[in-house]
Every structure is written in structure tokens, then in C-alpha cells.
């Protein structure tokens, strides 16, 4: 059995960001039905968030459903981001649609770096400064050059200093997010963070 974690968590995050949220339920694996649901949602809402179906496999129907909608425009499919690569961004009826990955940690990561800024822009709200703390890397951390990576970490105070330790990752695992105090936003050009190197950790609310 696959539990629907994302609708609850993403709805809560959207409400915290200032949105009124309608959870529209689970759509069957049918591109036509999905296209119809997306069109109806975009005609009555300012922003549409979809979780799952964003990869490029045969059973991932969101790109196909978007292409069936008259006047829709696919803006991006795939980001240089870990976790969160199979993200889709489109316009439907002039409304932004964000296809979040189905994996929980990926979905929540994309919400932080992409959806939250979109919401702030739509609300005309000045983007609040992220809650951050300065720490030192507790261990050596590596990252692949050419993509942005969110390193989820837990914080511990050792010898009078705040240290950041990576949480075992797995984009399909809710525990990665649940066990983290925050994340380090590692830029595309960074391949290595040495143990003891100063880092900035964005705290999860």
C-alpha cells in the first residue's frame, strides 16, 4: 500500500506560506482524466500543485496531460536540482502549474526552492529572509558538479560549536525530512565541503 503523504504535507506548507488550499484528491492514471482535472483546477485557482507523474517513464502522465490542454505551455521539465530533478513547470489557462516529484523529500525540497518564491510573488509579499544559522560541517560532504543540491542535515553542538551532519538520504523517505533540522544549499559549482568548513543551514519551519 502506498500512503498519500504529499497532499497533507504540501497543503500544510502552502497554508503556512499564506495560501487558501483546496485538496482536490487523487486522479486515476489516465491522461485524459488528469488533463480534465488540471484544466478545471486552473480555471478556479491561482496556482495548481500536482504531486507525482512527473518523470519521463511510460506511466508518468503529467507531461502528456499538460500537452492535451489547449493553450497550455510547458516551461520546464527537469531541474538541475537534487533532490527534485523530475520537476515540471507549466502554464495552464494562464495559471502556473508546478508538478512536484512524487517522492516526499523531493516534493518538499522543491516547494522550498521553487513554489514558495512563486507564492510570495503572486501575493505581492516581500520574500521573508530564510531562518538560517551558521555552523561547521561535522564531516566531509561531497556533491556532484553541475547541479544544485540541498543537503539535509541535523545540528549538534560539540565542543562549543554548532556542527552540521548529513542525514541519510532517500528522496522516497519521509524520515530524511523528519530527522533534519535544516539543509545546506550547495551551489552547482561546489563538489566538496571539508570537515570543519563554515556552512549556512536554512532551518526547516
C-alpha atoms as a PDB file:
ATOM      1  CA  UNK A   1       0.000   0.000   0.000  1.00  0.00           C
ATOM      2  CA  UNK A   2       1.258   3.491  -0.889  1.00  0.00           C
ATOM      3  CA  UNK A   3       0.260   6.165   1.598  1.00  0.00           C
ATOM      4  CA  UNK A   4      -0.546   9.675   0.379  1.00  0.00           C
ATOM      5  CA  UNK A   5       1.881  11.736   2.435  1.00  0.00           C
ATOM      6  CA  UNK A   6       2.428  14.573  -0.007  1.00  0.00           C
ATOM      7  CA  UNK A   7      -1.080  16.040  -0.133  1.00  0.00           C
ATOM      8  CA  UNK A   8      -1.075  16.546   3.634  1.00  0.00           C
ATOM      9  CA  UNK A   9       2.447  17.937   3.924  1.00  0.00           C
ATOM     10  CA  UNK A  10       2.341  20.157   0.827  1.00  0.00           C
ATOM     11  CA  UNK A  11      -1.094  21.502   1.790  1.00  0.00           C
ATOM     12  CA  UNK A  12       0.250  22.412   5.222  1.00  0.00           C
ATOM     13  CA  UNK A  13       3.300  24.117   3.715  1.00  0.00           C
ATOM     14  CA  UNK A  14       1.124  26.093   1.286  1.00  0.00           C
ATOM     15  CA  UNK A  15      -1.158  27.252   4.100  1.00  0.00           C
ATOM     16  CA  UNK A  16       1.865  28.344   6.108  1.00  0.00           C
ATOM     17  CA  UNK A  17       3.019  30.333   3.076  1.00  0.00           C
ATOM     18  CA  UNK A  18      -0.283  32.239   3.081  1.00  0.00           C
ATOM     19  CA  UNK A  19      -2.482  30.255   0.672  1.00  0.00           C
ATOM     20  CA  UNK A  20      -6.057  29.090   0.874  1.00  0.00           C
ATOM     21  CA  UNK A  21      -5.825  25.439  -0.120  1.00  0.00           C
ATOM     22  CA  UNK A  22      -8.267  23.074  -1.805  1.00  0.00           C
ATOM     23  CA  UNK A  23      -7.083  19.466  -1.795  1.00  0.00           C
ATOM     24  CA  UNK A  24      -8.670  18.017  -4.922  1.00  0.00           C
ATOM     25  CA  UNK A  25      -7.891  14.367  -4.289  1.00  0.00           C
ATOM     26  CA  UNK A  26      -6.179  11.624  -6.260  1.00  0.00           C
ATOM     27  CA  UNK A  27      -6.703  11.389 -10.026  1.00  0.00           C
ATOM     28  CA  UNK A  28      -6.694   7.943 -11.696  1.00  0.00           C
ATOM     29  CA  UNK A  29      -3.804   7.032 -14.006  1.00  0.00           C
ATOM     30  CA  UNK A  30      -5.497   8.305 -17.135  1.00  0.00           C
ATOM     31  CA  UNK A  31      -4.043  11.206 -19.129  1.00  0.00           C
ATOM     32  CA  UNK A  32      -7.463  12.392 -20.294  1.00  0.00           C
ATOM     33  CA  UNK A  33      -8.948  12.461 -16.809  1.00  0.00           C
ATOM     34  CA  UNK A  34      -5.835  14.160 -15.478  1.00  0.00           C
ATOM     35  CA  UNK A  35      -5.962  16.807 -18.217  1.00  0.00           C
ATOM     36  CA  UNK A  36      -9.615  17.490 -17.432  1.00  0.00           C
ATOM     37  CA  UNK A  37      -8.873  17.834 -13.711  1.00  0.00           C
ATOM     38  CA  UNK A  38      -5.934  20.167 -14.373  1.00  0.00           C
ATOM     39  CA  UNK A  39      -7.996  22.377 -16.661  1.00  0.00           C
ATOM     40  CA  UNK A  40     -10.798  22.651 -14.115  1.00  0.00           C
ATOM     41  CA  UNK A  41      -8.363  23.349 -11.288  1.00  0.00           C
ATOM     42  CA  UNK A  42      -6.563  26.061 -13.256  1.00  0.00           C
ATOM     43  CA  UNK A  43      -9.855  27.757 -14.149  1.00  0.00           C
ATOM     44  CA  UNK A  44     -10.838  28.168 -10.496  1.00  0.00           C
ATOM     45  CA  UNK A  45      -7.494  28.539  -8.690  1.00  0.00           C
ATOM     46  CA  UNK A  46      -4.489  30.841  -8.919  1.00  0.00           C
ATOM     47  CA  UNK A  47      -1.853  28.111  -8.593  1.00  0.00           C
ATOM     48  CA  UNK A  48      -2.023  24.367  -9.187  1.00  0.00           C
ATOM     49  CA  UNK A  49       0.330  21.916  -7.472  1.00  0.00           C
ATOM     50  CA  UNK A  50       0.468  18.289  -8.558  1.00  0.00           C
ATOM     51  CA  UNK A  51       2.482  15.551  -6.897  1.00  0.00           C
ATOM     52  CA  UNK A  52       3.731  12.578  -8.892  1.00  0.00           C
ATOM     53  CA  UNK A  53       3.703  11.572 -12.543  1.00  0.00           C
ATOM     54  CA  UNK A  54       6.499  13.998 -13.423  1.00  0.00           C
ATOM     55  CA  UNK A  55       9.274  11.639 -14.508  1.00  0.00           C
ATOM     56  CA  UNK A  56       9.799  10.553 -18.095  1.00  0.00           C
ATOM     57  CA  UNK A  57       8.646   6.956 -17.786  1.00  0.00           C
ATOM     58  CA  UNK A  58       5.733   5.418 -19.653  1.00  0.00           C
ATOM     59  CA  UNK A  59       3.460   5.668 -16.622  1.00  0.00           C
ATOM     60  CA  UNK A  60       4.283   9.282 -15.784  1.00  0.00           C
ATOM     61  CA  UNK A  61       1.304  11.053 -17.312  1.00  0.00           C
ATOM     62  CA  UNK A  62       1.579  14.676 -16.216  1.00  0.00           C
ATOM     63  CA  UNK A  63       3.585  15.939 -19.240  1.00  0.00           C
ATOM     64  CA  UNK A  64       1.165  14.188 -21.604  1.00  0.00           C
ATOM     65  CA  UNK A  65      -1.864  15.577 -19.762  1.00  0.00           C
ATOM     66  CA  UNK A  66      -0.497  19.131 -19.893  1.00  0.00           C
ATOM     67  CA  UNK A  67       0.150  18.804 -23.630  1.00  0.00           C
ATOM     68  CA  UNK A  68      -3.526  17.914 -24.189  1.00  0.00           C
ATOM     69  CA  UNK A  69      -4.767  21.196 -22.731  1.00  0.00           C
ATOM     70  CA  UNK A  70      -5.445  23.967 -25.284  1.00  0.00           C
ATOM     71  CA  UNK A  71      -3.273  26.997 -24.683  1.00  0.00           C
ATOM     72  CA  UNK A  72      -1.063  25.260 -22.146  1.00  0.00           C
ATOM     73  CA  UNK A  73       2.654  25.974 -22.202  1.00  0.00           C
ATOM     74  CA  UNK A  74       5.351  23.687 -20.832  1.00  0.00           C
ATOM     75  CA  UNK A  75       8.051  25.923 -19.346  1.00  0.00           C
ATOM     76  CA  UNK A  76      10.443  23.348 -17.910  1.00  0.00           C
ATOM     77  CA  UNK A  77      10.616  19.622 -17.338  1.00  0.00           C
ATOM     78  CA  UNK A  78      13.599  18.632 -15.235  1.00  0.00           C
ATOM     79  CA  UNK A  79      15.746  20.751 -12.923  1.00  0.00           C
ATOM     80  CA  UNK A  80      19.455  20.610 -12.128  1.00  0.00           C
ATOM     81  CA  UNK A  81      18.480  20.021  -8.514  1.00  0.00           C
ATOM     82  CA  UNK A  82      18.958  17.169  -6.055  1.00  0.00           C
ATOM     83  CA  UNK A  83      16.541  16.123  -4.717  1.00  0.00           C
ATOM     84  CA  UNK A  84      13.894  17.324  -7.144  1.00  0.00           C
ATOM     85  CA  UNK A  85      15.187  16.670 -10.659  1.00  0.00           C
ATOM     86  CA  UNK A  86      11.873  15.447 -12.210  1.00  0.00           C
ATOM     87  CA  UNK A  87      10.015  18.718 -11.603  1.00  0.00           C
ATOM     88  CA  UNK A  88       7.613  20.162 -14.178  1.00  0.00           C
ATOM     89  CA  UNK A  89       6.612  23.802 -14.579  1.00  0.00           C
ATOM     90  CA  UNK A  90       3.844  24.898 -16.943  1.00  0.00           C
ATOM     91  CA  UNK A  91       1.136  27.467 -17.577  1.00  0.00           C
ATOM     92  CA  UNK A  92      -2.458  26.233 -17.844  1.00  0.00           C
ATOM     93  CA  UNK A  93      -5.167  28.797 -18.603  1.00  0.00           C
ATOM     94  CA  UNK A  94      -2.530  31.379 -17.762  1.00  0.00           C
ATOM     95  CA  UNK A  95      -2.105  29.927 -14.278  1.00  0.00           C
ATOM     96  CA  UNK A  96       1.169  28.460 -13.028  1.00  0.00           C
ATOM     97  CA  UNK A  97       1.218  24.710 -12.548  1.00  0.00           C
ATOM     98  CA  UNK A  98       4.045  23.006 -10.693  1.00  0.00           C
ATOM     99  CA  UNK A  99       4.448  19.257 -10.983  1.00  0.00           C
ATOM    100  CA  UNK A 100       6.260  18.133  -7.856  1.00  0.00           C
ATOM    101  CA  UNK A 101       8.092  14.807  -7.712  1.00  0.00           C
ATOM    102  CA  UNK A 102       6.150  12.016  -6.056  1.00  0.00           C
ATOM    103  CA  UNK A 103       8.939  11.242  -3.615  1.00  0.00           C
ATOM    104  CA  UNK A 104       8.212  13.103  -0.358  1.00  0.00           C
ATOM    105  CA  UNK A 105      11.635  14.600   0.350  1.00  0.00           C
ATOM    106  CA  UNK A 106      11.951  15.758  -3.267  1.00  0.00           C
ATOM    107  CA  UNK A 107       8.482  17.309  -3.207  1.00  0.00           C
ATOM    108  CA  UNK A 108       9.188  19.258  -0.028  1.00  0.00           C
ATOM    109  CA  UNK A 109      12.602  20.371  -1.279  1.00  0.00           C
ATOM    110  CA  UNK A 110      11.090  21.741  -4.496  1.00  0.00           C
ATOM    111  CA  UNK A 111       8.412  23.518  -2.501  1.00  0.00           C
ATOM    112  CA  UNK A 112      11.100  25.392  -0.556  1.00  0.00           C
ATOM    113  CA  UNK A 113      13.206  26.482  -3.533  1.00  0.00           C
ATOM    114  CA  UNK A 114      10.555  26.968  -6.240  1.00  0.00           C
ATOM    115  CA  UNK A 115       6.955  27.021  -5.027  1.00  0.00           C
ATOM    116  CA  UNK A 116       7.425  29.288  -2.024  1.00  0.00           C
ATOM    117  CA  UNK A 117       9.018  32.081  -4.120  1.00  0.00           C
ATOM    118  CA  UNK A 118       6.179  31.760  -6.668  1.00  0.00           C
ATOM    119  CA  UNK A 119       3.601  32.137  -3.892  1.00  0.00           C
ATOM    120  CA  UNK A 120       5.394  35.175  -2.474  1.00  0.00           C
ATOM    121  CA  UNK A 121       5.476  36.798  -5.913  1.00  0.00           C
ATOM    122  CA  UNK A 122       1.775  36.108  -6.511  1.00  0.00           C
ATOM    123  CA  UNK A 123       0.831  37.509  -3.111  1.00  0.00           C
ATOM    124  CA  UNK A 124       2.949  40.592  -3.727  1.00  0.00           C
ATOM    125  CA  UNK A 125       4.683  39.837  -0.472  1.00  0.00           C
ATOM    126  CA  UNK A 126       8.272  40.668   0.215  1.00  0.00           C
ATOM    127  CA  UNK A 127      10.078  37.368   0.493  1.00  0.00           C
ATOM    128  CA  UNK A 128      10.997  36.822   4.101  1.00  0.00           C
ATOM    129  CA  UNK A 129      14.594  36.109   4.849  1.00  0.00           C
ATOM    130  CA  UNK A 130      15.037  32.424   5.448  1.00  0.00           C
ATOM    131  CA  UNK A 131      15.697  31.375   9.017  1.00  0.00           C
ATOM    132  CA  UNK A 132      19.345  30.355   8.987  1.00  0.00           C
ATOM    133  CA  UNK A 133      22.139  29.514  11.385  1.00  0.00           C
ATOM    134  CA  UNK A 134      25.873  29.351  10.855  1.00  0.00           C
ATOM    135  CA  UNK A 135      27.583  26.065  11.643  1.00  0.00           C
ATOM    136  CA  UNK A 136      30.583  23.978  10.663  1.00  0.00           C
ATOM    137  CA  UNK A 137      30.442  20.802   8.626  1.00  0.00           C
ATOM    138  CA  UNK A 138      30.657  17.855  11.010  1.00  0.00           C
ATOM    139  CA  UNK A 139      32.090  15.592   8.312  1.00  0.00           C
ATOM    140  CA  UNK A 140      33.348  15.891   4.748  1.00  0.00           C
ATOM    141  CA  UNK A 141      30.450  16.180   2.273  1.00  0.00           C
ATOM    142  CA  UNK A 142      30.543  15.700  -1.489  1.00  0.00           C
ATOM    143  CA  UNK A 143      28.233  16.948  -4.221  1.00  0.00           C
ATOM    144  CA  UNK A 144      28.083  16.480  -7.990  1.00  0.00           C
ATOM    145  CA  UNK A 145      29.259  19.466 -10.030  1.00  0.00           C
ATOM    146  CA  UNK A 146      26.675  20.935 -12.370  1.00  0.00           C
ATOM    147  CA  UNK A 147      23.619  20.694 -10.165  1.00  0.00           C
ATOM    148  CA  UNK A 148      22.334  22.431  -7.089  1.00  0.00           C
ATOM    149  CA  UNK A 149      21.938  20.139  -4.100  1.00  0.00           C
ATOM    150  CA  UNK A 150      20.052  20.537  -0.855  1.00  0.00           C
ATOM    151  CA  UNK A 151      21.996  18.655   1.812  1.00  0.00           C
ATOM    152  CA  UNK A 152      19.612  17.845   4.638  1.00  0.00           C
ATOM    153  CA  UNK A 153      21.415  17.980   7.962  1.00  0.00           C
ATOM    154  CA  UNK A 154      20.930  17.619  11.682  1.00  0.00           C
ATOM    155  CA  UNK A 155      22.585  20.072  14.052  1.00  0.00           C
ATOM    156  CA  UNK A 156      24.603  19.149  17.126  1.00  0.00           C
ATOM    157  CA  UNK A 157      26.606  21.327  19.478  1.00  0.00           C
ATOM    158  CA  UNK A 158      30.057  19.870  20.088  1.00  0.00           C
ATOM    159  CA  UNK A 159      32.948  21.491  21.923  1.00  0.00           C
ATOM    160  CA  UNK A 160      31.087  24.781  21.981  1.00  0.00           C
ATOM    161  CA  UNK A 161      30.453  24.829  18.214  1.00  0.00           C
ATOM    162  CA  UNK A 162      27.367  24.065  16.173  1.00  0.00           C
ATOM    163  CA  UNK A 163      28.074  21.193  13.785  1.00  0.00           C
ATOM    164  CA  UNK A 164      26.016  20.079  10.771  1.00  0.00           C
ATOM    165  CA  UNK A 165      25.840  16.362   9.954  1.00  0.00           C
ATOM    166  CA  UNK A 166      24.172  14.973   6.823  1.00  0.00           C
ATOM    167  CA  UNK A 167      21.027  12.935   7.345  1.00  0.00           C
ATOM    168  CA  UNK A 168      20.970   9.620   5.437  1.00  0.00           C
ATOM    169  CA  UNK A 169      19.168  10.498   2.241  1.00  0.00           C
ATOM    170  CA  UNK A 170      16.484   8.857   0.190  1.00  0.00           C
ATOM    171  CA  UNK A 171      14.074  11.035  -1.755  1.00  0.00           C
ATOM    172  CA  UNK A 172      11.364   8.418  -1.213  1.00  0.00           C
ATOM    173  CA  UNK A 173      11.805   8.564   2.558  1.00  0.00           C
ATOM    174  CA  UNK A 174       9.800  10.900   4.762  1.00  0.00           C
ATOM    175  CA  UNK A 175      12.304  10.264   7.555  1.00  0.00           C
ATOM    176  CA  UNK A 176      15.014  12.224   5.709  1.00  0.00           C
ATOM    177  CA  UNK A 177      12.955  15.376   6.100  1.00  0.00           C
ATOM    178  CA  UNK A 178      11.563  14.487   9.521  1.00  0.00           C
ATOM    179  CA  UNK A 179      15.012  13.896  11.049  1.00  0.00           C
ATOM    180  CA  UNK A 180      16.547  17.073   9.603  1.00  0.00           C
ATOM    181  CA  UNK A 181      16.873  20.420  11.329  1.00  0.00           C
ATOM    182  CA  UNK A 182      17.572  22.145   8.026  1.00  0.00           C
ATOM    183  CA  UNK A 183      19.560  21.978   4.820  1.00  0.00           C
ATOM    184  CA  UNK A 184      22.712  23.357   3.249  1.00  0.00           C
ATOM    185  CA  UNK A 185      22.080  24.845  -0.199  1.00  0.00           C
ATOM    186  CA  UNK A 186      25.098  23.605  -2.161  1.00  0.00           C
ATOM    187  CA  UNK A 187      25.724  25.528  -5.382  1.00  0.00           C
ATOM    188  CA  UNK A 188      26.234  23.949  -8.795  1.00  0.00           C
ATOM    189  CA  UNK A 189      29.970  24.611  -8.805  1.00  0.00           C
ATOM    190  CA  UNK A 190      30.705  23.077  -5.396  1.00  0.00           C
ATOM    191  CA  UNK A 191      31.952  19.492  -5.266  1.00  0.00           C
ATOM    192  CA  UNK A 192      33.338  19.282  -1.747  1.00  0.00           C
ATOM    193  CA  UNK A 193      32.653  20.701   1.694  1.00  0.00           C
ATOM    194  CA  UNK A 194      35.523  19.900   4.028  1.00  0.00           C
ATOM    195  CA  UNK A 195      35.012  18.836   7.626  1.00  0.00           C
ATOM    196  CA  UNK A 196      35.084  21.947   9.790  1.00  0.00           C
ATOM    197  CA  UNK A 197      34.273  24.282   6.895  1.00  0.00           C
ATOM    198  CA  UNK A 198      31.760  27.041   7.758  1.00  0.00           C
ATOM    199  CA  UNK A 199      28.289  26.438   6.293  1.00  0.00           C
ATOM    200  CA  UNK A 200      24.931  28.193   6.393  1.00  0.00           C
ATOM    201  CA  UNK A 201      21.977  25.981   7.320  1.00  0.00           C
ATOM    202  CA  UNK A 202      18.458  27.012   6.372  1.00  0.00           C
ATOM    203  CA  UNK A 203      16.193  25.871   9.166  1.00  0.00           C
ATOM    204  CA  UNK A 204      13.024  23.960   8.402  1.00  0.00           C
ATOM    205  CA  UNK A 205       9.942  25.532   9.926  1.00  0.00           C
END
